[in-house]
Amino acid sequence: MRRDNFTVDIDSKPDDDGTPTISIDYDGPSGALRERLTTTTDGTLDADEVDVAFRRQAAADSGVLSLTNRLTGEFVLEVAAAVDEMQALVTAAERRDDDGEYEVRLTDSEGKSLVYEKRTLLVYDHDGSLLRQQSLIPGGVEL
């Protein structure tokens, strides 16, 4: 699956004290996204089996948002996203009852959606170094 099969919309200011949300739409071949989200037992990956990370690009206002299968390390998807939008999402999630919660909403080419409630979002610089102050890392988690 190519990055250009995905579009991202980041809502860091949801109405009525809602949850900040990363919405990712997929318009590629039917079933391809669902296949990447399927476990070895033909179930769908749960929220605790998917990791979310953002890697900034050097000298750019954008970066790459990625979802990976925590069990295998395989990429589920990658999509270009704006640095300022990602930082606004992190800030909004941190302010939300101090729990750092946000949602990732995936919608496939058939219009079927899957929502993951997440609390961790790791942000890296262009060299791959973790930017702790710009990431969402729940208390008690050691990296």
Protein backbone atom coordinates (compact mmCIF):
# COMPACT_ATOMS: atom_id res chain seq x y z
CA MET A 1 0.00 0.00 0.00
CA ARG A 2 1.32 3.39 -0.94
CA ARG A 3 1.26 6.54 1.16
CA ASP A 4 -0.78 8.30 -1.50
CA ASN A 5 -3.61 5.81 -0.88
CA PHE A 6 -4.15 7.53 2.48
CA THR A 7 -5.37 10.93 3.58
CA VAL A 8 -5.25 12.20 7.13
CA ASP A 9 -7.39 14.69 9.01
CA ILE A 10 -6.29 15.67 12.51
CA ASP A 11 -8.92 17.15 14.80
CA SER A 12 -7.21 18.60 17.85
CA LYS A 13 -10.20 20.78 18.81
CA PRO A 14 -13.19 18.44 18.98
CA ASP A 15 -16.57 19.90 19.96
CA ASP A 16 -18.11 19.40 23.41
CA ASP A 17 -14.87 18.30 25.09
CA GLY A 18 -14.58 15.37 22.70
CA THR A 19 -11.53 13.25 22.11
CA PRO A 20 -8.78 14.54 19.80
CA THR A 21 -8.86 12.36 16.70
CA ILE A 22 -6.61 11.27 13.87
CA SER A 23 -8.85 10.22 10.97
CA ILE A 24 -7.19 8.23 8.22
CA ASP A 25 -9.06 7.39 5.02
CA TYR A 26 -7.83 4.69 2.68
CA ASP A 27 -8.83 4.69 -1.00
CA GLY A 28 -6.66 1.85 -2.31
CA PRO A 29 -7.56 -1.69 -3.35
CA SER A 30 -10.53 -3.14 -1.50
CA GLY A 31 -9.62 -5.33 1.47
CA ALA A 32 -5.92 -4.40 1.57
CA LEU A 33 -6.12 -2.28 4.72
CA ARG A 34 -8.35 -4.82 6.48
CA GLU A 35 -5.80 -7.52 5.61
CA ARG A 36 -3.01 -5.57 7.35
CA LEU A 37 -5.18 -5.18 10.43
CA THR A 38 -5.92 -8.92 10.65
CA THR A 39 -4.21 -11.09 13.25
CA THR A 40 -2.88 -14.58 12.67
CA THR A 41 -6.14 -15.92 14.11
CA ASP A 42 -8.23 -13.91 11.62
CA GLY A 43 -9.31 -11.37 14.24
CA THR A 44 -8.72 -7.63 14.02
CA LEU A 45 -5.77 -6.06 15.80
CA ASP A 46 -6.83 -4.47 19.10
CA ALA A 47 -5.72 -1.00 20.20
CA ASP A 48 -3.00 -2.48 22.41
CA GLU A 49 -1.60 -4.35 19.39
CA VAL A 50 -1.12 -1.19 17.29
CA ASP A 51 1.60 1.41 17.88
CA VAL A 52 1.36 5.00 16.62
CA ALA A 53 4.44 7.07 15.83
CA PHE A 54 5.29 10.28 14.02
CA ARG A 55 8.69 10.99 12.48
CA ARG A 56 9.53 14.54 11.50
CA GLN A 57 11.32 15.13 8.22
CA ALA A 58 14.48 17.24 8.12
CA ALA A 59 13.90 20.92 7.27
CA ALA A 60 10.21 20.35 6.54
CA ASP A 61 6.86 21.21 8.06
CA SER A 62 5.70 17.65 7.62
CA GLY A 63 6.55 14.14 8.66
CA VAL A 64 5.33 10.57 8.44
CA LEU A 65 2.61 9.21 10.71
CA SER A 66 2.79 5.44 10.99
CA LEU A 67 0.82 2.62 12.53
CA THR A 68 2.62 -0.63 13.19
CA ASN A 69 1.63 -4.07 14.36
CA ARG A 70 3.21 -4.27 17.83
CA LEU A 71 3.44 -8.06 17.70
CA THR A 72 5.28 -8.34 14.37
CA GLY A 73 6.77 -4.86 13.93
CA GLU A 74 5.26 -4.67 10.44
CA PHE A 75 3.93 -1.37 9.15
CA VAL A 76 0.16 -1.24 8.85
CA LEU A 77 0.30 2.14 7.11
CA GLU A 78 2.24 5.36 6.64
CA VAL A 79 0.78 8.75 5.74
CA ALA A 80 2.19 12.26 5.46
CA ALA A 81 1.04 14.65 8.20
CA ALA A 82 1.81 18.22 9.21
CA VAL A 83 4.10 18.78 12.20
CA ASP A 84 1.96 21.59 13.64
CA GLU A 85 -1.22 19.49 13.44
CA MET A 86 0.45 16.56 15.18
CA GLN A 87 1.80 18.82 17.92
CA ALA A 88 -1.65 20.36 18.39
CA LEU A 89 -3.12 16.86 18.79
CA VAL A 90 -0.51 15.95 21.42
CA THR A 91 -1.20 19.18 23.33
CA ALA A 92 -4.97 18.67 23.17
CA ALA A 93 -4.66 15.05 24.35
CA GLU A 94 -2.43 16.08 27.27
CA ARG A 95 -4.96 18.70 28.39
CA ARG A 96 -7.88 16.30 28.24
CA ASP A 97 -8.25 15.33 31.90
CA ASP A 98 -4.48 14.74 31.93
CA ASP A 99 -5.04 11.27 30.50
CA GLY A 100 -3.40 11.82 27.11
CA GLU A 101 -6.17 9.97 25.32
CA TYR A 102 -6.85 10.35 21.61
CA GLU A 103 -8.47 8.26 18.89
CA VAL A 104 -7.28 6.88 15.60
CA ARG A 105 -10.15 6.33 13.17
CA LEU A 106 -9.38 4.21 10.10
CA THR A 107 -11.87 4.12 7.24
CA ASP A 108 -11.30 1.73 4.37
CA SER A 109 -12.25 2.06 0.72
CA GLU A 110 -15.59 0.32 1.43
CA GLY A 111 -16.52 2.92 4.06
CA LYS A 112 -16.01 0.59 7.04
CA SER A 113 -14.41 2.26 10.04
CA LEU A 114 -12.35 1.02 12.94
CA VAL A 115 -11.58 3.20 15.97
CA TYR A 116 -8.63 2.75 18.30
CA GLU A 117 -8.48 4.57 21.63
CA LYS A 118 -4.82 5.34 22.27
CA ARG A 119 -2.71 6.96 25.00
CA THR A 120 0.77 6.65 23.51
CA LEU A 121 2.11 8.52 20.49
CA LEU A 122 5.87 8.55 20.02
CA VAL A 123 7.36 11.51 18.14
CA TYR A 124 10.83 11.23 16.61
CA ASP A 125 13.12 13.74 14.95
CA HIS A 126 14.44 13.21 11.42
CA ASP A 127 17.41 11.22 12.80
CA GLY A 128 15.18 8.79 14.68
CA SER A 129 15.75 10.18 18.19
CA LEU A 130 12.72 10.16 20.46
CA LEU A 131 11.39 13.62 21.30
CA ARG A 132 10.00 12.83 24.78
CA GLN A 133 8.55 16.29 25.46
CA GLN A 134 6.59 16.22 22.20
CA SER A 135 5.31 12.66 22.63
CA LEU A 136 2.40 11.17 24.55
CA ILE A 137 3.83 8.71 27.04
CA PRO A 138 1.55 7.53 29.87
CA GLY A 139 2.89 7.73 33.41
CA GLY A 140 4.61 4.59 34.55
CA VAL A 141 5.73 3.61 31.04
CA GLU A 142 9.47 3.22 30.59
CA LEU A 143 11.06 3.29 27.16
